[in-house]
Every structure is written in structure tokens, then in C-alpha cells.
Amino acid sequence: GDEDACYYNFWQDATHVRGVWRRTSLNSYKEAEPTWETVLSLDELNAAEERAEGDTFVWHGYSLLDEGPCATWDRALVFLSPGGTDAQIAREIDLTTKAFVP
């Protein structure tokens, strides 16, 4: 049911300068202070890939991949912009492992 569905948002603050893409359950979302799980941290991704300042990834959104009726929604495309330019790249991410698909 909907209670099992994940709700996603992108969040930036002083701790997460480039931002985190995160999720929570419907029940948690209804609470005064939902418990969020980080799916992707752009700060960590930029550091891991040693992206130079001015070329760091900027969040451009996501699209869950609908694999048909009765399928588990376990993949998404995330759209990232190198340096915040109009250009963007898409990367497939496994929502179970929270890792990019090779």
C-alpha cells in the first residue's frame, strides 16, 4: 500500500552544501520530524570522484524507472549538471543498494 511507498526530496543546508537526495516512508513523512534516509549525497559524490571546484555536480532532478505492472520500483535516473551548466548527464542508480549501476 501507500504506507510502503517511499517519498523522495532533495535537501540542502549548511551541512549538505551540494545537497542530498533522500527518502522516507509515508508514515514517517506524516510525523513532525520525519526520519530521512540518504540515497545520494552530492558532497560525497563530488569528493569521491575528485571533481574540481567549478566542475562539481549540481542536482538536476530524477526520474523513477517504471518497469511495468507489479514491478518493484528499484531503479531511477538521476540528472546531474557538471559545474551547474545547462548540460546534464544521467546516471542510473539502484535504489536498494544506493549505488550507481555500472
PDB file of N, CA and C in Angstrom:
ATOM      1  N   GLY A   1       0.810  -1.197   0.000  1.00  0.00           N
ATOM      2  CA  GLY A   1       0.000   0.000   0.000  1.00  0.00           C
ATOM      3  C   GLY A   1       0.845   1.249   0.000  1.00  0.00           C
ATOM      4  N   ASP A   2       0.183   2.387   0.103  1.00  0.00           N
ATOM      5  CA  ASP A   2       0.880   3.668   0.130  1.00  0.00           C
ATOM      6  C   ASP A   2       1.816   3.800   1.323  1.00  0.00           C
ATOM      7  N   GLU A   3       1.488   3.092   2.423  1.00  0.00           N
ATOM      8  CA  GLU A   3       2.335   3.172   3.605  1.00  0.00           C
ATOM      9  C   GLU A   3       3.744   2.669   3.318  1.00  0.00           C
ATOM     10  N   ASP A   4       3.870   1.774   2.342  1.00  0.00           N
ATOM     11  CA  ASP A   4       5.169   1.213   1.981  1.00  0.00           C
ATOM     12  C   ASP A   4       5.906   2.065   0.952  1.00  0.00           C
ATOM     13  N   ALA A   5       5.213   3.016   0.358  1.00  0.00           N
ATOM     14  CA  ALA A   5       5.809   3.839  -0.690  1.00  0.00           C
ATOM     15  C   ALA A   5       6.882   4.749  -0.100  1.00  0.00           C
ATOM     16  N   CYS A   6       7.875   5.034  -0.910  1.00  0.00           N
ATOM     17  CA  CYS A   6       8.915   5.970  -0.497  1.00  0.00           C
ATOM     18  C   CYS A   6       8.604   7.339  -1.085  1.00  0.00           C
ATOM     19  N   TYR A   7       8.873   8.348  -0.312  1.00  0.00           N
ATOM     20  CA  TYR A   7       8.721   9.726  -0.754  1.00  0.00           C
ATOM     21  C   TYR A   7      10.105  10.349  -0.762  1.00  0.00           C
ATOM     22  N   TYR A   8      10.449  10.974  -1.882  1.00  0.00           N
ATOM     23  CA  TYR A   8      11.789  11.494  -2.096  1.00  0.00           C
ATOM     24  C   TYR A   8      11.785  13.019  -2.093  1.00  0.00           C
ATOM     25  N   ASN A   9      12.908  13.594  -1.653  1.00  0.00           N
ATOM     26  CA  ASN A   9      13.113  15.019  -1.863  1.00  0.00           C
ATOM     27  C   ASN A   9      14.607  15.306  -1.907  1.00  0.00           C
ATOM     28  N   PHE A  10      14.918  16.505  -2.350  1.00  0.00           N
ATOM     29  CA  PHE A  10      16.306  16.953  -2.411  1.00  0.00           C
ATOM     30  C   PHE A  10      16.467  18.042  -1.370  1.00  0.00           C
ATOM     31  N   TRP A  11      17.520  17.935  -0.550  1.00  0.00           N
ATOM     32  CA  TRP A  11      17.692  18.830   0.584  1.00  0.00           C
ATOM     33  C   TRP A  11      19.093  19.421   0.607  1.00  0.00           C
ATOM     34  N   GLN A  12      19.174  20.722   0.832  1.00  0.00           N
ATOM     35  CA  GLN A  12      20.460  21.390   1.003  1.00  0.00           C
ATOM     36  C   GLN A  12      20.417  22.197   2.294  1.00  0.00           C
ATOM     37  N   ASP A  13      21.526  22.204   3.012  1.00  0.00           N
ATOM     38  CA  ASP A  13      21.670  23.036   4.198  1.00  0.00           C
ATOM     39  C   ASP A  13      23.165  23.263   4.423  1.00  0.00           C
ATOM     40  N   ALA A  14      23.519  23.840   5.555  1.00  0.00           N
ATOM     41  CA  ALA A  14      24.926  24.147   5.832  1.00  0.00           C
ATOM     42  C   ALA A  14      25.785  22.890   5.888  1.00  0.00           C
ATOM     43  N   THR A  15      25.199  21.767   6.305  1.00  0.00           N
ATOM     44  CA  THR A  15      25.928  20.503   6.381  1.00  0.00           C
ATOM     45  C   THR A  15      26.029  19.834   5.019  1.00  0.00           C
ATOM     46  N   HIS A  16      24.987  19.952   4.238  1.00  0.00           N
ATOM     47  CA  HIS A  16      24.916  19.329   2.907  1.00  0.00           C
ATOM     48  C   HIS A  16      24.902  20.441   1.855  1.00  0.00           C
ATOM     49  N   VAL A  17      26.071  21.012   1.619  1.00  0.00           N
ATOM     50  CA  VAL A  17      26.185  22.192   0.764  1.00  0.00           C
ATOM     51  C   VAL A  17      25.693  21.915  -0.654  1.00  0.00           C
ATOM     52  N   ARG A  18      26.136  20.813  -1.246  1.00  0.00           N
ATOM     53  CA  ARG A  18      25.695  20.453  -2.600  1.00  0.00           C
ATOM     54  C   ARG A  18      24.366  19.718  -2.573  1.00  0.00           C
ATOM     55  N   GLY A  19      24.032  19.142  -1.435  1.00  0.00           N
ATOM     56  CA  GLY A  19      22.715  18.540  -1.255  1.00  0.00           C
ATOM     57  C   GLY A  19      22.707  17.026  -1.172  1.00  0.00           C
ATOM     58  N   VAL A  20      21.591  16.524  -0.635  1.00  0.00           N
ATOM     59  CA  VAL A  20      21.354  15.087  -0.558  1.00  0.00           C
ATOM     60  C   VAL A  20      19.987  14.780  -1.148  1.00  0.00           C
ATOM     61  N   TRP A  21      19.927  13.678  -1.867  1.00  0.00           N
ATOM     62  CA  TRP A  21      18.653  13.145  -2.337  1.00  0.00           C
ATOM     63  C   TRP A  21      18.280  12.105  -1.305  1.00  0.00           C
ATOM     64  N   ARG A  22      17.107  12.244  -0.726  1.00  0.00           N
ATOM     65  CA  ARG A  22      16.744  11.391   0.395  1.00  0.00           C
ATOM     66  C   ARG A  22      15.316  10.894   0.266  1.00  0.00           C
ATOM     67  N   ARG A  23      14.980   9.903   1.112  1.00  0.00           N
ATOM     68  CA  ARG A  23      13.646   9.320   1.063  1.00  0.00           C
ATOM     69  C   ARG A  23      13.167   8.986   2.469  1.00  0.00           C
ATOM     70  N   THR A  24      11.849   8.841   2.568  1.00  0.00           N
ATOM     71  CA  THR A  24      11.209   8.441   3.814  1.00  0.00           C
ATOM     72  C   THR A  24       9.910   7.727   3.468  1.00  0.00           C
ATOM     73  N   SER A  25       9.337   7.044   4.439  1.00  0.00           N
ATOM     74  CA  SER A  25       8.051   6.361   4.225  1.00  0.00           C
ATOM     75  C   SER A  25       6.901   7.344   4.446  1.00  0.00           C
ATOM     76  N   LEU A  26       5.716   6.980   3.998  1.00  0.00           N
ATOM     77  CA  LEU A  26       4.542   7.822   4.194  1.00  0.00           C
ATOM     78  C   LEU A  26       4.291   8.049   5.681  1.00  0.00           C
ATOM     79  N   ASN A  27       4.355   6.978   6.480  1.00  0.00           N
ATOM     80  CA  ASN A  27       4.117   7.127   7.920  1.00  0.00           C
ATOM     81  C   ASN A  27       5.132   8.071   8.559  1.00  0.00           C
ATOM     82  N   SER A  28       6.388   7.950   8.180  1.00  0.00           N
ATOM     83  CA  SER A  28       7.416   8.831   8.719  1.00  0.00           C
ATOM     84  C   SER A  28       7.193  10.266   8.248  1.00  0.00           C
ATOM     85  N   TYR A  29       6.787  10.421   6.987  1.00  0.00           N
ATOM     86  CA  TYR A  29       6.562  11.749   6.410  1.00  0.00           C
ATOM     87  C   TYR A  29       5.478  12.510   7.171  1.00  0.00           C
ATOM     88  N   LYS A  30       4.510  11.774   7.700  1.00  0.00           N
ATOM     89  CA  LYS A  30       3.401  12.388   8.437  1.00  0.00           C
ATOM     90  C   LYS A  30       3.812  12.868   9.828  1.00  0.00           C
ATOM     91  N   GLU A  31       4.973  12.430  10.306  1.00  0.00           N
ATOM     92  CA  GLU A  31       5.448  12.825  11.630  1.00  0.00           C
ATOM     93  C   GLU A  31       5.991  14.254  11.598  1.00  0.00           C
ATOM     94  N   ALA A  32       6.057  14.868  12.772  1.00  0.00           N
ATOM     95  CA  ALA A  32       6.582  16.234  12.873  1.00  0.00           C
ATOM     96  C   ALA A  32       8.027  16.304  12.378  1.00  0.00           C
ATOM     97  N   GLU A  33       8.810  15.268  12.674  1.00  0.00           N
ATOM     98  CA  GLU A  33      10.198  15.211  12.225  1.00  0.00           C
ATOM     99  C   GLU A  33      10.448  13.866  11.561  1.00  0.00           C
ATOM    100  N   PRO A  34      10.223  13.785  10.251  1.00  0.00           N
ATOM    101  CA  PRO A  34      10.400  12.511   9.540  1.00  0.00           C
ATOM    102  C   PRO A  34      11.834  11.990   9.651  1.00  0.00           C
ATOM    103  N   THR A  35      11.969  10.673   9.562  1.00  0.00           N
ATOM    104  CA  THR A  35      13.280  10.036   9.523  1.00  0.00           C
ATOM    105  C   THR A  35      13.657   9.856   8.061  1.00  0.00           C
ATOM    106  N   TRP A  36      14.676  10.567   7.633  1.00  0.00           N
ATOM    107  CA  TRP A  36      15.103  10.519   6.236  1.00  0.00           C
ATOM    108  C   TRP A  36      16.290   9.582   6.078  1.00  0.00           C
ATOM    109  N   GLU A  37      16.322   8.896   4.946  1.00  0.00           N
ATOM    110  CA  GLU A  37      17.446   8.032   4.567  1.00  0.00           C
ATOM    111  C   GLU A  37      18.092   8.644   3.331  1.00  0.00           C
ATOM    112  N   THR A  38      19.390   8.882   3.386  1.00  0.00           N
ATOM    113  CA  THR A  38      20.095   9.445   2.238  1.00  0.00           C
ATOM    114  C   THR A  38      20.276   8.381   1.166  1.00  0.00           C
ATOM    115  N   VAL A  39      19.867   8.712  -0.046  1.00  0.00           N
ATOM    116  CA  VAL A  39      20.074   7.834  -1.198  1.00  0.00           C
ATOM    117  C   VAL A  39      21.367   8.236  -1.908  1.00  0.00           C
ATOM    118  N   LEU A  40      21.581   9.544  -2.061  1.00  0.00           N
ATOM    119  CA  LEU A  40      22.765  10.042  -2.757  1.00  0.00           C
ATOM    120  C   LEU A  40      23.167  11.388  -2.169  1.00  0.00           C
ATOM    121  N   SER A  41      24.425  11.508  -1.783  1.00  0.00           N
ATOM    122  CA  SER A  41      24.975  12.777  -1.308  1.00  0.00           C
ATOM    123  C   SER A  41      25.856  13.351  -2.409  1.00  0.00           C
ATOM    124  N   LEU A  42      25.510  14.533  -2.888  1.00  0.00           N
ATOM    125  CA  LEU A  42      26.344  15.145  -3.927  1.00  0.00           C
ATOM    126  C   LEU A  42      27.689  15.583  -3.367  1.00  0.00           C
ATOM    127  N   ASP A  43      27.717  15.969  -2.102  1.00  0.00           N
ATOM    128  CA  ASP A  43      29.003  16.334  -1.489  1.00  0.00           C
ATOM    129  C   ASP A  43      29.948  15.130  -1.489  1.00  0.00           C
ATOM    130  N   GLU A  44      29.433  13.961  -1.094  1.00  0.00           N
ATOM    131  CA  GLU A  44      30.252  12.744  -1.070  1.00  0.00           C
ATOM    132  C   GLU A  44      30.624  12.298  -2.480  1.00  0.00           C
ATOM    133  N   LEU A  45      29.688  12.391  -3.420  1.00  0.00           N
ATOM    134  CA  LEU A  45      29.970  12.003  -4.808  1.00  0.00           C
ATOM    135  C   LEU A  45      31.064  12.884  -5.403  1.00  0.00           C
ATOM    136  N   ASN A  46      30.954  14.195  -5.213  1.00  0.00           N
ATOM    137  CA  ASN A  46      31.966  15.111  -5.744  1.00  0.00           C
ATOM    138  C   ASN A  46      33.337  14.825  -5.145  1.00  0.00           C
ATOM    139  N   ALA A  47      33.385  14.514  -3.848  1.00  0.00           N
ATOM    140  CA  ALA A  47      34.659  14.194  -3.193  1.00  0.00           C
ATOM    141  C   ALA A  47      35.213  12.867  -3.701  1.00  0.00           C
ATOM    142  N   ALA A  48      34.361  11.850  -3.819  1.00  0.00           N
ATOM    143  CA  ALA A  48      34.801  10.523  -4.258  1.00  0.00           C
ATOM    144  C   ALA A  48      35.344  10.553  -5.681  1.00  0.00           C
ATOM    145  N   GLU A  49      34.744  11.390  -6.519  1.00  0.00           N
ATOM    146  CA  GLU A  49      35.197  11.479  -7.913  1.00  0.00           C
ATOM    147  C   GLU A  49      36.238  12.574  -8.100  1.00  0.00           C
ATOM    148  N   GLU A  50      36.646  13.200  -6.998  1.00  0.00           N
ATOM    149  CA  GLU A  50      37.666  14.250  -7.017  1.00  0.00           C
ATOM    150  C   GLU A  50      37.366  15.315  -8.062  1.00  0.00           C
ATOM    151  N   ARG A  51      36.119  15.769  -8.076  1.00  0.00           N
ATOM    152  CA  ARG A  51      35.713  16.802  -9.027  1.00  0.00           C
ATOM    153  C   ARG A  51      36.236  18.153  -8.544  1.00  0.00           C
ATOM    154  N   ALA A  52      36.847  18.899  -9.454  1.00  0.00           N
ATOM    155  CA  ALA A  52      37.425  20.196  -9.116  1.00  0.00           C
ATOM    156  C   ALA A  52      36.322  21.213  -8.824  1.00  0.00           C
ATOM    157  N   GLU A  53      36.638  22.182  -7.969  1.00  0.00           N
ATOM    158  CA  GLU A  53      35.694  23.266  -7.691  1.00  0.00           C
ATOM    159  C   GLU A  53      35.352  23.947  -9.016  1.00  0.00           C
ATOM    160  N   GLY A  54      34.103  24.234  -9.236  1.00  0.00           N
ATOM    161  CA  GLY A  54      33.658  24.798 -10.505  1.00  0.00           C
ATOM    162  C   GLY A  54      33.194  23.728 -11.473  1.00  0.00           C
ATOM    163  N   ASP A  55      33.527  22.458 -11.174  1.00  0.00           N
ATOM    164  CA  ASP A  55      33.085  21.345 -12.017  1.00  0.00           C
ATOM    165  C   ASP A  55      32.301  20.327 -11.188  1.00  0.00           C
ATOM    166  N   THR A  56      31.931  20.703  -9.970  1.00  0.00           N
ATOM    167  CA  THR A  56      31.194  19.780  -9.110  1.00  0.00           C
ATOM    168  C   THR A  56      29.776  19.594  -9.638  1.00  0.00           C
ATOM    169  N   PHE A  57      29.223  18.430  -9.367  1.00  0.00           N
ATOM    170  CA  PHE A  57      27.871  18.127  -9.825  1.00  0.00           C
ATOM    171  C   PHE A  57      26.832  18.953  -9.083  1.00  0.00           C
ATOM    172  N   VAL A  58      25.865  19.430  -9.836  1.00  0.00           N
ATOM    173  CA  VAL A  58      24.706  20.143  -9.307  1.00  0.00           C
ATOM    174  C   VAL A  58      23.485  19.302  -9.642  1.00  0.00           C
ATOM    175  N   TRP A  59      22.563  19.178  -8.702  1.00  0.00           N
ATOM    176  CA  TRP A  59      21.348  18.371  -8.859  1.00  0.00           C
ATOM    177  C   TRP A  59      20.449  18.947  -9.938  1.00  0.00           C
ATOM    178  N   HIS A  60      20.009  18.090 -10.857  1.00  0.00           N
ATOM    179  CA  HIS A  60      19.063  18.490 -11.900  1.00  0.00           C
ATOM    180  C   HIS A  60      17.795  17.653 -11.873  1.00  0.00           C
ATOM    181  N   GLY A  61      17.636  16.781 -10.868  1.00  0.00           N
ATOM    182  CA  GLY A  61      16.397  16.025 -10.733  1.00  0.00           C
ATOM    183  C   GLY A  61      16.582  14.528 -10.901  1.00  0.00           C
ATOM    184  N   TYR A  62      15.438  13.842 -10.921  1.00  0.00           N
ATOM    185  CA  TYR A  62      15.454  12.387 -11.044  1.00  0.00           C
ATOM    186  C   TYR A  62      14.176  11.916 -11.712  1.00  0.00           C
ATOM    187  N   SER A  63      14.216  10.668 -12.166  1.00  0.00           N
ATOM    188  CA  SER A  63      13.039  10.017 -12.730  1.00  0.00           C
ATOM    189  C   SER A  63      13.073   8.554 -12.303  1.00  0.00           C
ATOM    190  N   LEU A  64      12.027   8.117 -11.585  1.00  0.00           N
ATOM    191  CA  LEU A  64      11.939   6.704 -11.225  1.00  0.00           C
ATOM    192  C   LEU A  64      11.659   5.906 -12.484  1.00  0.00           C
ATOM    193  N   LEU A  65      12.262   4.743 -12.611  1.00  0.00           N
ATOM    194  CA  LEU A  65      12.083   3.919 -13.803  1.00  0.00           C
ATOM    195  C   LEU A  65      10.928   2.950 -13.584  1.00  0.00           C
ATOM    196  N   ASP A  66       9.880   3.124 -14.349  1.00  0.00           N
ATOM    197  CA  ASP A  66       8.697   2.264 -14.281  1.00  0.00           C
ATOM    198  C   ASP A  66       8.964   1.037 -15.133  1.00  0.00           C
ATOM    199  N   GLU A  67       9.110  -0.094 -14.469  1.00  0.00           N
ATOM    200  CA  GLU A  67       9.421  -1.331 -15.186  1.00  0.00           C
ATOM    201  C   GLU A  67       8.185  -2.175 -15.431  1.00  0.00           C
ATOM    202  N   GLY A  68       7.004  -1.555 -15.358  1.00  0.00           N
ATOM    203  CA  GLY A  68       5.769  -2.254 -15.689  1.00  0.00           C
ATOM    204  C   GLY A  68       4.964  -2.671 -14.476  1.00  0.00           C
ATOM    205  N   PRO A  69       3.777  -3.231 -14.730  1.00  0.00           N
ATOM    206  CA  PRO A  69       2.890  -3.644 -13.640  1.00  0.00           C
ATOM    207  C   PRO A  69       3.561  -4.675 -12.731  1.00  0.00           C
ATOM    208  N   CYS A  70       3.324  -4.545 -11.462  1.00  0.00           N
ATOM    209  CA  CYS A  70       3.829  -5.471 -10.436  1.00  0.00           C
ATOM    210  C   CYS A  70       5.348  -5.420 -10.259  1.00  0.00           C
ATOM    211  N   ALA A  71       6.009  -4.525 -10.944  1.00  0.00           N
ATOM    212  CA  ALA A  71       7.462  -4.418 -10.803  1.00  0.00           C
ATOM    213  C   ALA A  71       7.797  -3.614  -9.549  1.00  0.00           C
ATOM    214  N   THR A  72       8.932  -3.907  -8.975  1.00  0.00           N
ATOM    215  CA  THR A  72       9.428  -3.135  -7.846  1.00  0.00           C
ATOM    216  C   THR A  72      10.123  -1.895  -8.396  1.00  0.00           C
ATOM    217  N   TRP A  73       9.799  -0.765  -7.835  1.00  0.00           N
ATOM    218  CA  TRP A  73      10.440   0.485  -8.277  1.00  0.00           C
ATOM    219  C   TRP A  73      11.806   0.570  -7.598  1.00  0.00           C
ATOM    220  N   ASP A  74      12.803  -0.045  -8.241  1.00  0.00           N
ATOM    221  CA  ASP A  74      14.106  -0.124  -7.596  1.00  0.00           C
ATOM    222  C   ASP A  74      15.220   0.543  -8.389  1.00  0.00           C
ATOM    223  N   ARG A  75      14.859   1.250  -9.442  1.00  0.00           N
ATOM    224  CA  ARG A  75      15.866   1.959 -10.237  1.00  0.00           C
ATOM    225  C   ARG A  75      15.374   3.369 -10.540  1.00  0.00           C
ATOM    226  N   ALA A  76      16.316   4.269 -10.685  1.00  0.00           N
ATOM    227  CA  ALA A  76      15.986   5.646 -11.053  1.00  0.00           C
ATOM    228  C   ALA A  76      17.121   6.205 -11.894  1.00  0.00           C
ATOM    229  N   LEU A  77      16.806   7.214 -12.663  1.00  0.00           N
ATOM    230  CA  LEU A  77      17.828   8.002 -13.335  1.00  0.00           C
ATOM    231  C   LEU A  77      17.980   9.280 -12.534  1.00  0.00           C
ATOM    232  N   VAL A  78      19.212   9.635 -12.211  1.00  0.00           N
ATOM    233  CA  VAL A  78      19.464  10.928 -11.582  1.00  0.00           C
ATOM    234  C   VAL A  78      20.159  11.798 -12.620  1.00  0.00           C
ATOM    235  N   PHE A  79      19.779  13.057 -12.646  1.00  0.00           N
ATOM    236  CA  PHE A  79      20.313  14.008 -13.615  1.00  0.00           C
ATOM    237  C   PHE A  79      21.215  14.995 -12.886  1.00  0.00           C
ATOM    238  N   LEU A  80      22.462  15.053 -13.337  1.00  0.00           N
ATOM    239  CA  LEU A  80      23.478  15.873 -12.694  1.00  0.00           C
ATOM    240  C   LEU A  80      24.092  16.810 -13.716  1.00  0.00           C
ATOM    241  N   SER A  81      24.402  18.016 -13.271  1.00  0.00           N
ATOM    242  CA  SER A  81      24.995  19.016 -14.141  1.00  0.00           C
ATOM    243  C   SER A  81      26.416  19.317 -13.682  1.00  0.00           C
ATOM    244  N   PRO A  82      27.422  19.039 -14.528  1.00  0.00           N
ATOM    245  CA  PRO A  82      28.796  19.380 -14.158  1.00  0.00           C
ATOM    246  C   PRO A  82      28.958  20.901 -14.093  1.00  0.00           C
ATOM    247  N   GLY A  83      29.304  21.400 -12.927  1.00  0.00           N
ATOM    248  CA  GLY A  83      29.533  22.831 -12.770  1.00  0.00           C
ATOM    249  C   GLY A  83      28.276  23.678 -12.781  1.00  0.00           C
ATOM    250  N   GLY A  84      27.110  23.055 -12.769  1.00  0.00           N
ATOM    251  CA  GLY A  84      25.863  23.815 -12.768  1.00  0.00           C
ATOM    252  C   GLY A  84      25.503  24.403 -14.119  1.00  0.00           C
ATOM    253  N   THR A  85      26.126  23.891 -15.175  1.00  0.00           N
ATOM    254  CA  THR A  85      25.835  24.392 -16.519  1.00  0.00           C
ATOM    255  C   THR A  85      24.498  23.837 -17.006  1.00  0.00           C
ATOM    256  N   ASP A  86      24.097  24.252 -18.200  1.00  0.00           N
ATOM    257  CA  ASP A  86      22.865  23.728 -18.793  1.00  0.00           C
ATOM    258  C   ASP A  86      23.019  22.271 -19.208  1.00  0.00           C
ATOM    259  N   ALA A  87      24.257  21.834 -19.396  1.00  0.00           N
ATOM    260  CA  ALA A  87      24.500  20.439 -19.771  1.00  0.00           C
ATOM    261  C   ALA A  87      24.171  19.544 -18.586  1.00  0.00           C
ATOM    262  N   GLN A  88      23.723  18.339 -18.878  1.00  0.00           N
ATOM    263  CA  GLN A  88      23.472  17.400 -17.791  1.00  0.00           C
ATOM    264  C   GLN A  88      23.799  15.991 -18.242  1.00  0.00           C
ATOM    265  N   ILE A  89      24.128  15.160 -17.264  1.00  0.00           N
ATOM    266  CA  ILE A  89      24.337  13.745 -17.530  1.00  0.00           C
ATOM    267  C   ILE A  89      23.307  12.976 -16.721  1.00  0.00           C
ATOM    268  N   ALA A  90      22.994  11.787 -17.184  1.00  0.00           N
ATOM    269  CA  ALA A  90      22.059  10.917 -16.466  1.00  0.00           C
ATOM    270  C   ALA A  90      22.828   9.687 -16.008  1.00  0.00           C
ATOM    271  N   ARG A  91      22.584   9.290 -14.770  1.00  0.00           N
ATOM    272  CA  ARG A  91      23.179   8.067 -14.236  1.00  0.00           C
ATOM    273  C   ARG A  91      22.074   7.229 -13.627  1.00  0.00           C
ATOM    274  N   GLU A  92      22.150   5.926 -13.885  1.00  0.00           N
ATOM    275  CA  GLU A  92      21.168   5.005 -13.311  1.00  0.00           C
ATOM    276  C   GLU A  92      21.631   4.605 -11.914  1.00  0.00           C
ATOM    277  N   ILE A  93      20.703   4.632 -10.967  1.00  0.00           N
ATOM    278  CA  ILE A  93      21.024   4.273  -9.589  1.00  0.00           C
ATOM    279  C   ILE A  93      20.088   3.170  -9.115  1.00  0.00           C
ATOM    280  N   ASP A  94      20.655   2.222  -8.391  1.00  0.00           N
ATOM    281  CA  ASP A  94      19.883   1.139  -7.785  1.00  0.00           C
ATOM    282  C   ASP A  94      19.391   1.653  -6.435  1.00  0.00           C
ATOM    283  N   LEU A  95      18.080   1.726  -6.255  1.00  0.00           N
ATOM    284  CA  LEU A  95      17.518   2.301  -5.038  1.00  0.00           C
ATOM    285  C   LEU A  95      17.617   1.364  -3.839  1.00  0.00           C
ATOM    286  N   THR A  96      17.922   0.097  -4.078  1.00  0.00           N
ATOM    287  CA  THR A  96      18.108  -0.854  -2.984  1.00  0.00           C
ATOM    288  C   THR A  96      19.517  -0.731  -2.408  1.00  0.00           C
ATOM    289  N   THR A  97      20.511  -0.737  -3.290  1.00  0.00           N
ATOM    290  CA  THR A  97      21.905  -0.663  -2.843  1.00  0.00           C
ATOM    291  C   THR A  97      22.398   0.775  -2.703  1.00  0.00           C
ATOM    292  N   LYS A  98      21.662   1.722  -3.288  1.00  0.00           N
ATOM    293  CA  LYS A  98      22.034   3.141  -3.304  1.00  0.00           C
ATOM    294  C   LYS A  98      23.386   3.342  -3.995  1.00  0.00           C
ATOM    295  N   ALA A  99      23.610   2.565  -5.051  1.00  0.00           N
ATOM    296  CA  ALA A  99      24.851   2.648  -5.821  1.00  0.00           C
ATOM    297  C   ALA A  99      24.505   2.805  -7.296  1.00  0.00           C
ATOM    298  N   PHE A 100      25.411   3.456  -8.025  1.00  0.00           N
ATOM    299  CA  PHE A 100      25.203   3.588  -9.461  1.00  0.00           C
ATOM    300  C   PHE A 100      25.323   2.230 -10.132  1.00  0.00           C
ATOM    301  N   VAL A 101      24.529   2.033 -11.174  1.00  0.00           N
ATOM    302  CA  VAL A 101      24.563   0.797 -11.952  1.00  0.00           C
ATOM    303  C   VAL A 101      25.697   0.932 -12.962  1.00  0.00           C
ATOM    304  N   PRO A 102      26.631  -0.036 -12.973  1.00  0.00           N
ATOM    305  CA  PRO A 102      27.768   0.069 -13.907  1.00  0.00           C
ATOM    306  C   PRO A 102      27.337  -0.067 -15.355  1.00  0.00           C
TER     307      PRO A 102
END
